[in-house]
Amino acid sequence: MKSGSRIIAMELLMPQIGEDPYMVNRAITSIDLQMLTVFNTKERAKAEWESLIKSADEIFLVKAFR
């Protein structure tokens, strides 16, 4: 990649437990289970995305928008 290049990932960030109302957490957890059963993957929290991206290369900068 050239200097200044960007990678854009459009993903749902899992909220921390208790951060959102109960029904929102329940709906997001349902999506997480669907991702697991259909694609053998999961939704990730911001810290998990940062860890995954930094493991590829420490130079990457993660910005999340809400």
N, C-alpha and C. Protein backbone atom coordinates (compact mmCIF):
# COMPACT_ATOMS: atom_id res chain seq x y z
N MET A 1 0.83 -1.17 0.00
CA MET A 1 0.00 0.00 0.00
C MET A 1 0.88 1.24 0.00
N LYS A 2 0.39 2.27 -0.63
CA LYS A 2 1.10 3.54 -0.64
C LYS A 2 0.88 4.26 0.68
N SER A 3 1.81 5.13 1.04
CA SER A 3 1.67 5.95 2.23
C SER A 3 0.40 6.80 2.10
N GLY A 4 -0.40 6.84 3.15
CA GLY A 4 -1.65 7.60 3.12
C GLY A 4 -2.85 6.83 2.63
N SER A 5 -2.64 5.58 2.19
CA SER A 5 -3.76 4.75 1.73
C SER A 5 -4.69 4.45 2.89
N ARG A 6 -5.94 4.15 2.58
CA ARG A 6 -6.93 3.83 3.61
C ARG A 6 -7.63 2.52 3.29
N ILE A 7 -7.98 1.82 4.35
CA ILE A 7 -8.83 0.63 4.25
C ILE A 7 -10.10 0.97 5.01
N ILE A 8 -11.24 0.79 4.37
CA ILE A 8 -12.51 1.09 5.02
C ILE A 8 -13.25 -0.22 5.25
N ALA A 9 -13.61 -0.46 6.49
CA ALA A 9 -14.39 -1.64 6.86
C ALA A 9 -15.69 -1.15 7.47
N MET A 10 -16.81 -1.58 6.92
CA MET A 10 -18.10 -1.19 7.46
C MET A 10 -18.63 -2.36 8.28
N GLU A 11 -18.53 -2.24 9.58
CA GLU A 11 -18.88 -3.33 10.48
C GLU A 11 -19.69 -2.81 11.65
N LEU A 12 -20.43 -3.71 12.27
CA LEU A 12 -21.14 -3.42 13.50
C LEU A 12 -20.21 -3.69 14.66
N LEU A 13 -20.04 -2.71 15.53
CA LEU A 13 -19.23 -2.91 16.72
C LEU A 13 -20.13 -3.34 17.87
N MET A 14 -19.79 -4.42 18.51
CA MET A 14 -20.57 -4.90 19.64
C MET A 14 -20.40 -3.93 20.80
N PRO A 15 -21.52 -3.48 21.42
CA PRO A 15 -21.41 -2.61 22.58
C PRO A 15 -20.99 -3.41 23.81
N GLN A 16 -20.47 -2.72 24.81
CA GLN A 16 -20.15 -3.37 26.07
C GLN A 16 -21.47 -3.78 26.74
N ILE A 17 -21.45 -4.83 27.52
CA ILE A 17 -22.65 -5.29 28.22
C ILE A 17 -23.16 -4.16 29.12
N GLY A 18 -24.46 -3.87 29.00
CA GLY A 18 -25.08 -2.84 29.81
C GLY A 18 -24.98 -1.44 29.22
N GLU A 19 -24.25 -1.29 28.11
CA GLU A 19 -24.09 0.02 27.48
C GLU A 19 -25.36 0.48 26.79
N ASP A 20 -26.10 -0.44 26.22
CA ASP A 20 -27.33 -0.13 25.51
C ASP A 20 -28.51 -0.78 26.23
N PRO A 21 -29.74 -0.34 25.90
CA PRO A 21 -30.92 -0.96 26.51
C PRO A 21 -30.97 -2.47 26.25
N TYR A 22 -31.67 -3.19 27.12
CA TYR A 22 -31.75 -4.65 27.08
C TYR A 22 -32.14 -5.18 25.70
N MET A 23 -33.18 -4.61 25.08
CA MET A 23 -33.66 -5.13 23.80
C MET A 23 -32.64 -4.91 22.69
N VAL A 24 -31.88 -3.83 22.76
CA VAL A 24 -30.83 -3.59 21.76
C VAL A 24 -29.74 -4.64 21.92
N ASN A 25 -29.31 -4.89 23.16
CA ASN A 25 -28.31 -5.93 23.41
C ASN A 25 -28.80 -7.29 22.94
N ARG A 26 -30.07 -7.57 23.18
CA ARG A 26 -30.65 -8.86 22.77
C ARG A 26 -30.64 -9.01 21.25
N ALA A 27 -31.01 -7.94 20.52
CA ALA A 27 -31.02 -7.99 19.06
C ALA A 27 -29.61 -8.17 18.52
N ILE A 28 -28.65 -7.47 19.09
CA ILE A 28 -27.26 -7.58 18.62
C ILE A 28 -26.71 -8.96 18.92
N THR A 29 -27.04 -9.50 20.09
CA THR A 29 -26.60 -10.85 20.42
C THR A 29 -27.18 -11.87 19.44
N SER A 30 -28.43 -11.65 19.02
CA SER A 30 -29.06 -12.52 18.04
C SER A 30 -28.30 -12.48 16.71
N ILE A 31 -27.90 -11.29 16.29
CA ILE A 31 -27.11 -11.14 15.06
C ILE A 31 -25.78 -11.87 15.21
N ASP A 32 -25.16 -11.75 16.38
CA ASP A 32 -23.89 -12.42 16.65
C ASP A 32 -24.04 -13.93 16.51
N LEU A 33 -25.12 -14.49 17.05
CA LEU A 33 -25.35 -15.93 16.94
C LEU A 33 -25.60 -16.35 15.49
N GLN A 34 -26.30 -15.52 14.73
CA GLN A 34 -26.53 -15.82 13.31
C GLN A 34 -25.21 -15.82 12.55
N MET A 35 -24.35 -14.85 12.84
CA MET A 35 -23.04 -14.80 12.18
C MET A 35 -22.24 -16.07 12.49
N LEU A 36 -22.32 -16.51 13.74
CA LEU A 36 -21.59 -17.70 14.16
C LEU A 36 -22.11 -18.94 13.44
N THR A 37 -23.43 -19.12 13.39
CA THR A 37 -23.99 -20.34 12.80
C THR A 37 -23.92 -20.35 11.28
N VAL A 38 -24.09 -19.20 10.62
CA VAL A 38 -24.12 -19.17 9.16
C VAL A 38 -22.72 -19.06 8.56
N PHE A 39 -21.88 -18.21 9.15
CA PHE A 39 -20.57 -17.93 8.54
C PHE A 39 -19.38 -18.40 9.38
N ASN A 40 -19.65 -19.04 10.53
CA ASN A 40 -18.60 -19.48 11.44
C ASN A 40 -17.69 -18.32 11.84
N THR A 41 -18.31 -17.19 12.12
CA THR A 41 -17.58 -15.99 12.53
C THR A 41 -18.36 -15.29 13.63
N LYS A 42 -17.93 -14.11 14.03
CA LYS A 42 -18.61 -13.40 15.11
C LYS A 42 -18.49 -11.90 14.91
N GLU A 43 -19.35 -11.16 15.61
CA GLU A 43 -19.22 -9.71 15.67
C GLU A 43 -18.10 -9.41 16.65
N ARG A 44 -17.45 -8.29 16.49
CA ARG A 44 -16.34 -7.94 17.36
C ARG A 44 -16.55 -6.58 18.01
N ALA A 45 -16.03 -6.43 19.21
CA ALA A 45 -16.01 -5.14 19.89
C ALA A 45 -14.87 -4.32 19.30
N LYS A 46 -14.88 -3.01 19.55
CA LYS A 46 -13.84 -2.13 19.01
C LYS A 46 -12.44 -2.62 19.39
N ALA A 47 -12.26 -3.00 20.64
CA ALA A 47 -10.94 -3.46 21.10
C ALA A 47 -10.50 -4.72 20.35
N GLU A 48 -11.45 -5.60 20.03
CA GLU A 48 -11.11 -6.82 19.28
C GLU A 48 -10.69 -6.47 17.85
N TRP A 49 -11.39 -5.50 17.21
CA TRP A 49 -11.01 -5.06 15.86
C TRP A 49 -9.62 -4.43 15.89
N GLU A 50 -9.38 -3.58 16.88
CA GLU A 50 -8.07 -2.94 16.98
C GLU A 50 -6.96 -3.97 17.12
N SER A 51 -7.18 -4.96 17.96
CA SER A 51 -6.19 -6.01 18.16
C SER A 51 -5.95 -6.80 16.87
N LEU A 52 -7.03 -7.15 16.18
CA LEU A 52 -6.91 -7.91 14.93
C LEU A 52 -6.15 -7.11 13.87
N ILE A 53 -6.50 -5.83 13.73
CA ILE A 53 -5.86 -4.99 12.71
C ILE A 53 -4.40 -4.72 13.06
N LYS A 54 -4.12 -4.44 14.33
CA LYS A 54 -2.74 -4.19 14.76
C LYS A 54 -1.88 -5.44 14.62
N SER A 55 -2.50 -6.62 14.71
CA SER A 55 -1.72 -7.86 14.55
C SER A 55 -1.24 -8.02 13.11
N ALA A 56 -1.96 -7.39 12.16
CA ALA A 56 -1.53 -7.43 10.76
C ALA A 56 -0.33 -6.50 10.56
N ASP A 57 -0.40 -5.29 11.15
CA ASP A 57 0.70 -4.34 11.06
C ASP A 57 0.48 -3.23 12.07
N GLU A 58 1.46 -2.97 12.91
CA GLU A 58 1.36 -1.97 13.97
C GLU A 58 1.13 -0.55 13.44
N ILE A 59 1.45 -0.32 12.17
CA ILE A 59 1.33 1.03 11.61
C ILE A 59 -0.12 1.44 11.36
N PHE A 60 -1.04 0.45 11.27
CA PHE A 60 -2.44 0.76 10.99
C PHE A 60 -3.06 1.57 12.14
N LEU A 61 -3.87 2.55 11.79
CA LEU A 61 -4.60 3.37 12.74
C LEU A 61 -6.08 3.06 12.61
N VAL A 62 -6.73 2.77 13.72
CA VAL A 62 -8.15 2.41 13.70
C VAL A 62 -8.97 3.62 14.15
N LYS A 63 -9.96 3.99 13.32
CA LYS A 63 -10.90 5.05 13.67
C LYS A 63 -12.30 4.47 13.57
N ALA A 64 -13.08 4.65 14.62
CA ALA A 64 -14.46 4.16 14.62
C ALA A 64 -15.40 5.35 14.68
N PHE A 65 -16.46 5.28 13.92
CA PHE A 65 -17.48 6.33 13.89
C PHE A 65 -18.78 5.75 14.38
N ARG A 66 -19.49 6.52 15.16
CA ARG A 66 -20.76 6.03 15.69
C ARG A 66 -21.88 6.89 15.26
